[in-house]
Protein backbone atom coordinates (compact mmCIF):
# COMPACT_ATOMS: atom_id res chain seq x y z
CA UNK A 1 -14.42 78.02 35.40
CA UNK A 2 -11.99 75.13 35.52
CA UNK A 3 -10.49 73.64 38.66
CA UNK A 4 -7.36 71.59 38.12
CA UNK A 5 -4.69 70.02 40.30
CA UNK A 6 -2.01 72.16 41.90
CA UNK A 7 0.56 70.41 39.71
CA UNK A 8 -0.61 72.32 36.63
CA UNK A 9 1.02 75.71 36.01
CA UNK A 10 -1.44 78.63 35.88
CA UNK A 11 -0.54 79.47 32.27
CA UNK A 12 -1.30 75.89 31.21
CA UNK A 13 -4.53 75.91 33.22
CA UNK A 14 -5.57 79.10 31.45
CA UNK A 15 -5.29 77.29 28.13
CA UNK A 16 -7.62 74.58 29.45
CA UNK A 17 -10.14 77.23 30.44
CA UNK A 18 -9.89 79.26 27.24
CA UNK A 19 -10.23 76.24 24.95
CA UNK A 20 -13.75 75.75 26.31
CA UNK A 21 -14.58 79.45 26.05
CA UNK A 22 -14.24 79.56 22.29
CA UNK A 23 -17.52 77.73 21.67
CA UNK A 24 -19.34 78.72 24.86
CA UNK A 25 -18.62 82.46 24.59
CA UNK A 26 -18.16 83.37 20.92
CA UNK A 27 -18.48 87.10 21.66
CA UNK A 28 -15.52 87.08 24.08
CA UNK A 29 -12.95 89.58 22.80
CA UNK A 30 -10.80 90.78 25.72
CA UNK A 31 -9.16 88.83 28.54
CA UNK A 32 -7.48 90.42 31.55
CA UNK A 33 -4.77 88.53 33.42
CA UNK A 34 -2.12 89.29 36.01
CA UNK A 35 1.62 89.21 35.43
CA UNK A 36 1.87 85.48 36.10
CA UNK A 37 0.23 84.79 32.76
CA UNK A 38 2.73 86.64 30.57
CA UNK A 39 4.96 84.67 28.25
CA UNK A 40 3.81 81.80 26.06
CA UNK A 41 0.15 82.34 26.94
CA UNK A 42 0.17 85.75 25.25
CA UNK A 43 1.40 84.19 22.02
CA UNK A 44 -1.04 81.27 22.34
CA UNK A 45 -3.99 83.66 22.75
CA UNK A 46 -2.91 85.62 19.68
CA UNK A 47 -2.74 82.40 17.68
CA UNK A 48 -6.29 81.48 18.71
CA UNK A 49 -7.72 84.39 16.78
CA UNK A 50 -10.14 87.05 17.97
CA UNK A 51 -8.98 87.47 21.58
CA UNK A 52 -6.91 90.24 23.11
CA UNK A 53 -5.00 89.34 26.28
CA UNK A 54 -4.17 92.35 28.46
CA UNK A 55 -1.71 91.79 31.30
CA UNK A 56 -2.63 93.98 34.29
CA UNK A 57 0.55 94.88 36.15
CA UNK A 58 1.37 97.36 38.86
CA UNK A 59 3.34 100.42 37.78
CA UNK A 60 7.12 99.89 38.16
CA UNK A 61 7.46 102.90 40.48
CA UNK A 62 4.60 101.85 42.77
CA UNK A 63 5.34 101.35 46.45
CA UNK A 64 2.69 99.96 48.75
CA UNK A 65 -0.85 99.00 47.86
CA UNK A 66 -2.98 100.38 45.07
CA UNK A 67 -6.04 99.01 43.31
CA UNK A 68 -5.16 97.67 39.87
CA UNK A 69 -7.65 98.01 37.03
CA UNK A 70 -9.95 94.97 36.61
CA UNK A 71 -7.89 92.94 39.13
CA UNK A 72 -10.30 93.86 41.93
CA UNK A 73 -13.10 91.97 40.15
CA UNK A 74 -11.27 88.67 40.61
CA UNK A 75 -10.31 89.41 44.21
CA UNK A 76 -13.89 90.43 45.02
CA UNK A 77 -15.21 87.17 43.59
CA UNK A 78 -12.69 85.16 45.63
CA UNK A 79 -13.87 87.01 48.73
CA UNK A 80 -17.50 86.14 47.96
CA UNK A 81 -16.59 82.48 47.54
CA UNK A 82 -14.53 82.50 50.74
CA UNK A 83 -17.71 83.22 52.71
CA UNK A 84 -18.91 79.70 51.94
CA UNK A 85 -17.56 77.32 54.54
CA UNK A 86 -17.08 74.48 52.08
CA UNK A 87 -14.91 76.71 49.87
CA UNK A 88 -12.90 78.34 52.65
CA UNK A 89 -10.31 75.53 52.45
CA UNK A 90 -9.12 73.49 49.49
CA UNK A 91 -9.62 69.92 50.65
CA UNK A 92 -11.68 68.33 47.88
CA UNK A 93 -10.19 65.17 46.40
CA UNK A 94 -11.61 65.67 42.92
CA UNK A 95 -11.44 68.92 40.91
CA UNK A 96 -14.97 68.23 39.65
CA UNK A 97 -16.28 68.39 43.24
CA UNK A 98 -14.65 71.80 43.77
CA UNK A 99 -16.13 73.08 40.49
CA UNK A 100 -19.59 71.92 41.57
CA UNK A 101 -19.44 73.69 44.92
CA UNK A 102 -18.17 76.91 43.29
CA UNK A 103 -21.10 76.76 40.86
CA UNK A 104 -23.54 76.19 43.75
CA UNK A 105 -22.09 79.16 45.65
CA UNK A 106 -22.38 81.43 42.61
CA UNK A 107 -25.96 80.27 41.99
CA UNK A 108 -26.78 81.12 45.60
CA UNK A 109 -25.19 84.56 45.24
CA UNK A 110 -27.16 85.28 42.06
CA UNK A 111 -30.47 84.07 43.53
CA UNK A 112 -29.99 86.32 46.57
CA UNK A 113 -29.30 89.29 44.28
CA UNK A 114 -32.32 88.61 42.13
CA UNK A 115 -34.55 88.31 45.21
CA UNK A 116 -33.61 91.78 46.48
């Protein structure tokens, strides 16, 4: 997880995240992303080596809502984090502070799951 300023484009922020993943998660092979990450990021991921970037997009003929494969995992996690008052609004001055509170929230979620 990387929190960065709003002035950084999502595709560029993804590169910041993935650069750290190479050593931390050597078994990572597949990455799912939404349509906002298509373009140069796809080529950059290919150049990095062993990763496969799959863009999850809605079908062109789709009207209305439908659950997209793997996209629900991200939305579910955002919903879990939104239950924490500190994370309900983005008002932290430093990105590092936001990262810390997200980590604390996820630790709390995991401890509650392990306890049940």
